[in-house]
Amino acid sequence: MNTMLTSDKTNSLIEILRAELQEYGALSQLLEDHQKAIMNRETERILSINNLIDEQVEVSQEARLKRESFVSELATSLGYSKDTSVKKLLPSFEDNVQELLLAIVDEIFKMIGKTQYKARQNQVLIKSASQVAENLINTIIPKQVTNTYSRKGSVKMETSTPLNYFQTSV
């Protein structure tokens, strides 16, 4: 199982890993922009970035699936099981390439951790902002706001006071 891979396969793997890392980097940047928009209360920008994040998550998942598929094919061609990781395949690469592959894989895992952390931070910030808005509405119109939860777990505030209440009370 210690067969060395051709330079074409090695270069292909390196390019696939770099592309995946780049997509996670783009997602991380969007999450940072999202956090800034949340902190600055830029509602339109938050919504716009939400859509970009959804799109980038899909692109990142496609890059991950491409890498998983390629690595699976490599592993089976070398006699390993199809779910063998890149790290376990390292002995099949030339010595000078092993460190590069290991560095890229480690960086991908760091980037995944960073994006997950930022996404959780942003969820907490949005939840906090939602609670502040709810408290403000309850101060203006006591007991008129109820929280409901969507299937995805996001909070939706509903008021039981018709909109014309504000128009007639002014």
C-alpha atoms as a PDB file:
ATOM      1  CA  MET A   1       0.000   0.000   0.000  1.00  0.00           C
ATOM      2  CA  ASN A   2       2.997   2.283  -0.215  1.00  0.00           C
ATOM      3  CA  THR A   3       2.775   2.965  -3.968  1.00  0.00           C
ATOM      4  CA  MET A   4       3.881   6.463  -4.945  1.00  0.00           C
ATOM      5  CA  LEU A   5       1.368   8.592  -6.813  1.00  0.00           C
ATOM      6  CA  THR A   6       2.017  10.275 -10.140  1.00  0.00           C
ATOM      7  CA  SER A   7       2.749  13.971 -10.187  1.00  0.00           C
ATOM      8  CA  ASP A   8      -0.523  14.589 -12.076  1.00  0.00           C
ATOM      9  CA  LYS A   9      -2.599  13.051  -9.280  1.00  0.00           C
ATOM     10  CA  THR A  10      -0.506  14.815  -6.665  1.00  0.00           C
ATOM     11  CA  ASN A  11      -0.905  18.192  -8.398  1.00  0.00           C
ATOM     12  CA  SER A  12      -4.641  17.587  -8.820  1.00  0.00           C
ATOM     13  CA  LEU A  13      -5.026  16.874  -5.109  1.00  0.00           C
ATOM     14  CA  ILE A  14      -3.035  19.967  -4.178  1.00  0.00           C
ATOM     15  CA  GLU A  15      -5.222  22.130  -6.432  1.00  0.00           C
ATOM     16  CA  ILE A  16      -8.436  20.588  -5.053  1.00  0.00           C
ATOM     17  CA  LEU A  17      -7.278  21.182  -1.469  1.00  0.00           C
ATOM     18  CA  ARG A  18      -6.257  24.769  -2.249  1.00  0.00           C
ATOM     19  CA  ALA A  19      -9.622  25.430  -3.883  1.00  0.00           C
ATOM     20  CA  GLU A  20     -11.439  24.071  -0.835  1.00  0.00           C
ATOM     21  CA  LEU A  21      -9.310  26.215   1.466  1.00  0.00           C
ATOM     22  CA  GLN A  22     -10.055  29.260  -0.691  1.00  0.00           C
ATOM     23  CA  GLU A  23     -13.817  28.636  -0.455  1.00  0.00           C
ATOM     24  CA  TYR A  24     -13.663  28.361   3.328  1.00  0.00           C
ATOM     25  CA  GLY A  25     -11.649  31.572   3.379  1.00  0.00           C
ATOM     26  CA  ALA A  26     -14.364  33.308   1.347  1.00  0.00           C
ATOM     27  CA  LEU A  27     -17.003  32.008   3.760  1.00  0.00           C
ATOM     28  CA  SER A  28     -14.997  33.236   6.733  1.00  0.00           C
ATOM     29  CA  GLN A  29     -14.733  36.705   5.180  1.00  0.00           C
ATOM     30  CA  LEU A  30     -18.497  36.826   4.594  1.00  0.00           C
ATOM     31  CA  LEU A  31     -19.099  35.871   8.215  1.00  0.00           C
ATOM     32  CA  GLU A  32     -16.789  38.692   9.334  1.00  0.00           C
ATOM     33  CA  ASP A  33     -18.676  41.147   7.099  1.00  0.00           C
ATOM     34  CA  HIS A  34     -21.940  39.780   8.499  1.00  0.00           C
ATOM     35  CA  GLN A  35     -20.746  40.372  12.040  1.00  0.00           C
ATOM     36  CA  LYS A  36     -19.776  43.969  11.233  1.00  0.00           C
ATOM     37  CA  ALA A  37     -23.205  44.563   9.671  1.00  0.00           C
ATOM     38  CA  ILE A  38     -24.895  43.124  12.771  1.00  0.00           C
ATOM     39  CA  MET A  39     -22.839  45.324  15.073  1.00  0.00           C
ATOM     40  CA  ASN A  40     -23.616  48.390  12.944  1.00  0.00           C
ATOM     41  CA  ARG A  41     -27.333  47.464  12.743  1.00  0.00           C
ATOM     42  CA  GLU A  42     -27.298  47.537   8.939  1.00  0.00           C
ATOM     43  CA  THR A  43     -30.454  45.502   8.356  1.00  0.00           C
ATOM     44  CA  GLU A  44     -30.404  45.570   4.555  1.00  0.00           C
ATOM     45  CA  ARG A  45     -26.747  44.582   4.482  1.00  0.00           C
ATOM     46  CA  ILE A  46     -27.361  41.767   6.980  1.00  0.00           C
ATOM     47  CA  LEU A  47     -30.059  40.322   4.730  1.00  0.00           C
ATOM     48  CA  SER A  48     -27.894  40.699   1.644  1.00  0.00           C
ATOM     49  CA  ILE A  49     -24.937  39.012   3.309  1.00  0.00           C
ATOM     50  CA  ASN A  50     -27.225  36.218   4.582  1.00  0.00           C
ATOM     51  CA  ASN A  51     -27.951  35.325   0.963  1.00  0.00           C
ATOM     52  CA  LEU A  52     -24.265  35.465   0.058  1.00  0.00           C
ATOM     53  CA  ILE A  53     -23.425  33.233   3.018  1.00  0.00           C
ATOM     54  CA  ASP A  54     -26.026  30.670   1.929  1.00  0.00           C
ATOM     55  CA  GLU A  55     -24.541  30.644  -1.568  1.00  0.00           C
ATOM     56  CA  GLN A  56     -20.977  30.387  -0.265  1.00  0.00           C
ATOM     57  CA  VAL A  57     -21.898  27.512   2.051  1.00  0.00           C
ATOM     58  CA  GLU A  58     -23.133  25.611  -1.009  1.00  0.00           C
ATOM     59  CA  VAL A  59     -19.930  26.391  -2.934  1.00  0.00           C
ATOM     60  CA  SER A  60     -17.828  25.298   0.064  1.00  0.00           C
ATOM     61  CA  GLN A  61     -19.792  22.065   0.348  1.00  0.00           C
ATOM     62  CA  GLU A  62     -19.264  21.385  -3.361  1.00  0.00           C
ATOM     63  CA  ALA A  63     -15.514  21.891  -2.904  1.00  0.00           C
ATOM     64  CA  ARG A  64     -15.527  19.522   0.084  1.00  0.00           C
ATOM     65  CA  LEU A  65     -17.466  16.893  -1.875  1.00  0.00           C
ATOM     66  CA  LYS A  66     -15.049  17.213  -4.802  1.00  0.00           C
ATOM     67  CA  ARG A  67     -12.115  16.681  -2.441  1.00  0.00           C
ATOM     68  CA  GLU A  68     -13.801  13.733  -0.709  1.00  0.00           C
ATOM     69  CA  SER A  69     -14.562  12.104  -4.064  1.00  0.00           C
ATOM     70  CA  PHE A  70     -11.027  12.592  -5.364  1.00  0.00           C
ATOM     71  CA  VAL A  71      -9.437  11.297  -2.155  1.00  0.00           C
ATOM     72  CA  SER A  72     -11.791   8.313  -2.159  1.00  0.00           C
ATOM     73  CA  GLU A  73     -10.712   7.425  -5.705  1.00  0.00           C
ATOM     74  CA  LEU A  74      -7.048   7.842  -4.770  1.00  0.00           C
ATOM     75  CA  ALA A  75      -7.444   5.686  -1.691  1.00  0.00           C
ATOM     76  CA  THR A  76      -9.126   2.829  -3.524  1.00  0.00           C
ATOM     77  CA  SER A  77      -6.552   2.986  -6.330  1.00  0.00           C
ATOM     78  CA  LEU A  78      -3.841   2.563  -3.682  1.00  0.00           C
ATOM     79  CA  GLY A  79      -5.593  -0.317  -1.938  1.00  0.00           C
ATOM     80  CA  TYR A  80      -6.981   1.674   0.984  1.00  0.00           C
ATOM     81  CA  SER A  81     -10.640   1.866   1.960  1.00  0.00           C
ATOM     82  CA  LYS A  82     -12.605   4.592   0.199  1.00  0.00           C
ATOM     83  CA  ASP A  83     -13.067   6.599   3.419  1.00  0.00           C
ATOM     84  CA  THR A  84      -9.330   6.958   4.098  1.00  0.00           C
ATOM     85  CA  SER A  85      -8.264  10.498   4.959  1.00  0.00           C
ATOM     86  CA  VAL A  86      -5.590  12.524   3.195  1.00  0.00           C
ATOM     87  CA  LYS A  87      -3.410  12.299   6.300  1.00  0.00           C
ATOM     88  CA  LYS A  88      -3.464   8.493   6.173  1.00  0.00           C
ATOM     89  CA  LEU A  89      -2.523   8.619   2.486  1.00  0.00           C
ATOM     90  CA  LEU A  90       0.559  10.799   3.102  1.00  0.00           C
ATOM     91  CA  PRO A  91       3.062   7.913   2.911  1.00  0.00           C
ATOM     92  CA  SER A  92       1.923   7.397  -0.689  1.00  0.00           C
ATOM     93  CA  PHE A  93       3.266  10.824  -1.660  1.00  0.00           C
ATOM     94  CA  GLU A  94       6.828  11.905  -2.195  1.00  0.00           C
ATOM     95  CA  ASP A  95       8.521  13.278   0.918  1.00  0.00           C
ATOM     96  CA  ASN A  96       8.726  16.836  -0.397  1.00  0.00           C
ATOM     97  CA  VAL A  97       4.942  16.900  -0.988  1.00  0.00           C
ATOM     98  CA  GLN A  98       3.847  15.372   2.305  1.00  0.00           C
ATOM     99  CA  GLU A  99       4.525  18.514   4.347  1.00  0.00           C
ATOM    100  CA  LEU A 100       2.661  20.703   1.869  1.00  0.00           C
ATOM    101  CA  LEU A 101      -0.390  18.412   1.897  1.00  0.00           C
ATOM    102  CA  LEU A 102      -0.345  18.221   5.682  1.00  0.00           C
ATOM    103  CA  ALA A 103      -0.106  22.024   5.965  1.00  0.00           C
ATOM    104  CA  ILE A 104      -3.060  22.571   3.589  1.00  0.00           C
ATOM    105  CA  VAL A 105      -5.208  19.946   5.330  1.00  0.00           C
ATOM    106  CA  ASP A 106      -4.424  21.446   8.746  1.00  0.00           C
ATOM    107  CA  GLU A 107      -5.260  24.911   7.437  1.00  0.00           C
ATOM    108  CA  ILE A 108      -8.596  23.639   6.082  1.00  0.00           C
ATOM    109  CA  PHE A 109      -9.492  22.239   9.507  1.00  0.00           C
ATOM    110  CA  LYS A 110      -8.494  25.519  11.186  1.00  0.00           C
ATOM    111  CA  MET A 111     -10.620  27.470   8.700  1.00  0.00           C
ATOM    112  CA  ILE A 112     -13.615  25.191   9.281  1.00  0.00           C
ATOM    113  CA  GLY A 113     -13.286  25.736  13.035  1.00  0.00           C
ATOM    114  CA  LYS A 114     -12.983  29.492  12.519  1.00  0.00           C
ATOM    115  CA  THR A 115     -16.080  29.679  10.318  1.00  0.00           C
ATOM    116  CA  GLN A 116     -18.120  27.565  12.741  1.00  0.00           C
ATOM    117  CA  TYR A 117     -17.068  29.825  15.622  1.00  0.00           C
ATOM    118  CA  LYS A 118     -17.930  33.003  13.697  1.00  0.00           C
ATOM    119  CA  ALA A 119     -21.296  31.572  12.635  1.00  0.00           C
ATOM    120  CA  ARG A 120     -22.133  30.790  16.291  1.00  0.00           C
ATOM    121  CA  GLN A 121     -21.009  34.284  17.336  1.00  0.00           C
ATOM    122  CA  ASN A 122     -23.242  35.854  14.703  1.00  0.00           C
ATOM    123  CA  GLN A 123     -26.214  33.753  15.808  1.00  0.00           C
ATOM    124  CA  VAL A 124     -25.720  34.922  19.392  1.00  0.00           C
ATOM    125  CA  LEU A 125     -25.495  38.557  18.259  1.00  0.00           C
ATOM    126  CA  ILE A 126     -28.671  38.266  16.180  1.00  0.00           C
ATOM    127  CA  LYS A 127     -30.511  36.548  19.025  1.00  0.00           C
ATOM    128  CA  SER A 128     -29.423  39.285  21.405  1.00  0.00           C
ATOM    129  CA  ALA A 129     -30.536  42.020  18.992  1.00  0.00           C
ATOM    130  CA  SER A 130     -33.864  40.229  18.566  1.00  0.00           C
ATOM    131  CA  GLN A 131     -34.370  40.131  22.322  1.00  0.00           C
ATOM    132  CA  VAL A 132     -33.590  43.843  22.605  1.00  0.00           C
ATOM    133  CA  ALA A 133     -36.136  44.598  19.880  1.00  0.00           C
ATOM    134  CA  GLU A 134     -38.711  42.399  21.612  1.00  0.00           C
ATOM    135  CA  ASN A 135     -38.124  44.154  24.940  1.00  0.00           C
ATOM    136  CA  LEU A 136     -38.488  47.539  23.260  1.00  0.00           C
ATOM    137  CA  ILE A 137     -41.776  46.512  21.650  1.00  0.00           C
ATOM    138  CA  ASN A 138     -43.022  45.095  24.963  1.00  0.00           C
ATOM    139  CA  THR A 139     -42.174  48.407  26.623  1.00  0.00           C
ATOM    140  CA  ILE A 140     -44.150  50.352  24.025  1.00  0.00           C
ATOM    141  CA  ILE A 141     -47.008  47.851  23.731  1.00  0.00           C
ATOM    142  CA  PRO A 142     -46.983  45.490  26.705  1.00  0.00           C
ATOM    143  CA  LYS A 143     -47.696  41.791  26.083  1.00  0.00           C
ATOM    144  CA  GLN A 144     -48.235  42.196  22.354  1.00  0.00           C
ATOM    145  CA  VAL A 145     -45.243  40.224  21.096  1.00  0.00           C
ATOM    146  CA  THR A 146     -44.949  36.446  20.898  1.00  0.00           C
ATOM    147  CA  ASN A 147     -42.005  34.407  19.745  1.00  0.00           C
ATOM    148  CA  THR A 148     -42.454  31.508  17.397  1.00  0.00           C
ATOM    149  CA  TYR A 149     -39.782  29.243  16.002  1.00  0.00           C
ATOM    150  CA  SER A 150     -39.389  28.093  12.429  1.00  0.00           C
ATOM    151  CA  ARG A 151     -38.428  24.532  11.517  1.00  0.00           C
ATOM    152  CA  LYS A 152     -34.841  25.740  11.203  1.00  0.00           C
ATOM    153  CA  GLY A 153     -34.949  27.028  14.783  1.00  0.00           C
ATOM    154  CA  SER A 154     -34.877  30.722  13.998  1.00  0.00           C
ATOM    155  CA  VAL A 155     -36.961  33.100  16.088  1.00  0.00           C
ATOM    156  CA  LYS A 156     -39.862  34.957  14.522  1.00  0.00           C
ATOM    157  CA  MET A 157     -41.610  37.731  16.424  1.00  0.00           C
ATOM    158  CA  GLU A 158     -45.311  38.275  15.851  1.00  0.00           C
ATOM    159  CA  THR A 159     -47.418  41.095  17.204  1.00  0.00           C
ATOM    160  CA  SER A 160     -51.081  40.706  17.995  1.00  0.00           C
ATOM    161  CA  THR A 161     -51.736  44.425  17.695  1.00  0.00           C
ATOM    162  CA  PRO A 162     -52.851  45.519  14.227  1.00  0.00           C
ATOM    163  CA  LEU A 163     -50.659  48.038  12.434  1.00  0.00           C
ATOM    164  CA  ASN A 164     -53.415  50.652  12.409  1.00  0.00           C
ATOM    165  CA  TYR A 165     -53.094  50.817  16.226  1.00  0.00           C
ATOM    166  CA  PHE A 166     -50.012  52.933  15.696  1.00  0.00           C
ATOM    167  CA  GLN A 167     -51.736  55.117  13.136  1.00  0.00           C
ATOM    168  CA  THR A 168     -54.764  55.856  15.332  1.00  0.00           C
ATOM    169  CA  SER A 169     -52.872  56.419  18.535  1.00  0.00           C
ATOM    170  CA  VAL A 170     -50.548  59.094  17.195  1.00  0.00           C
END
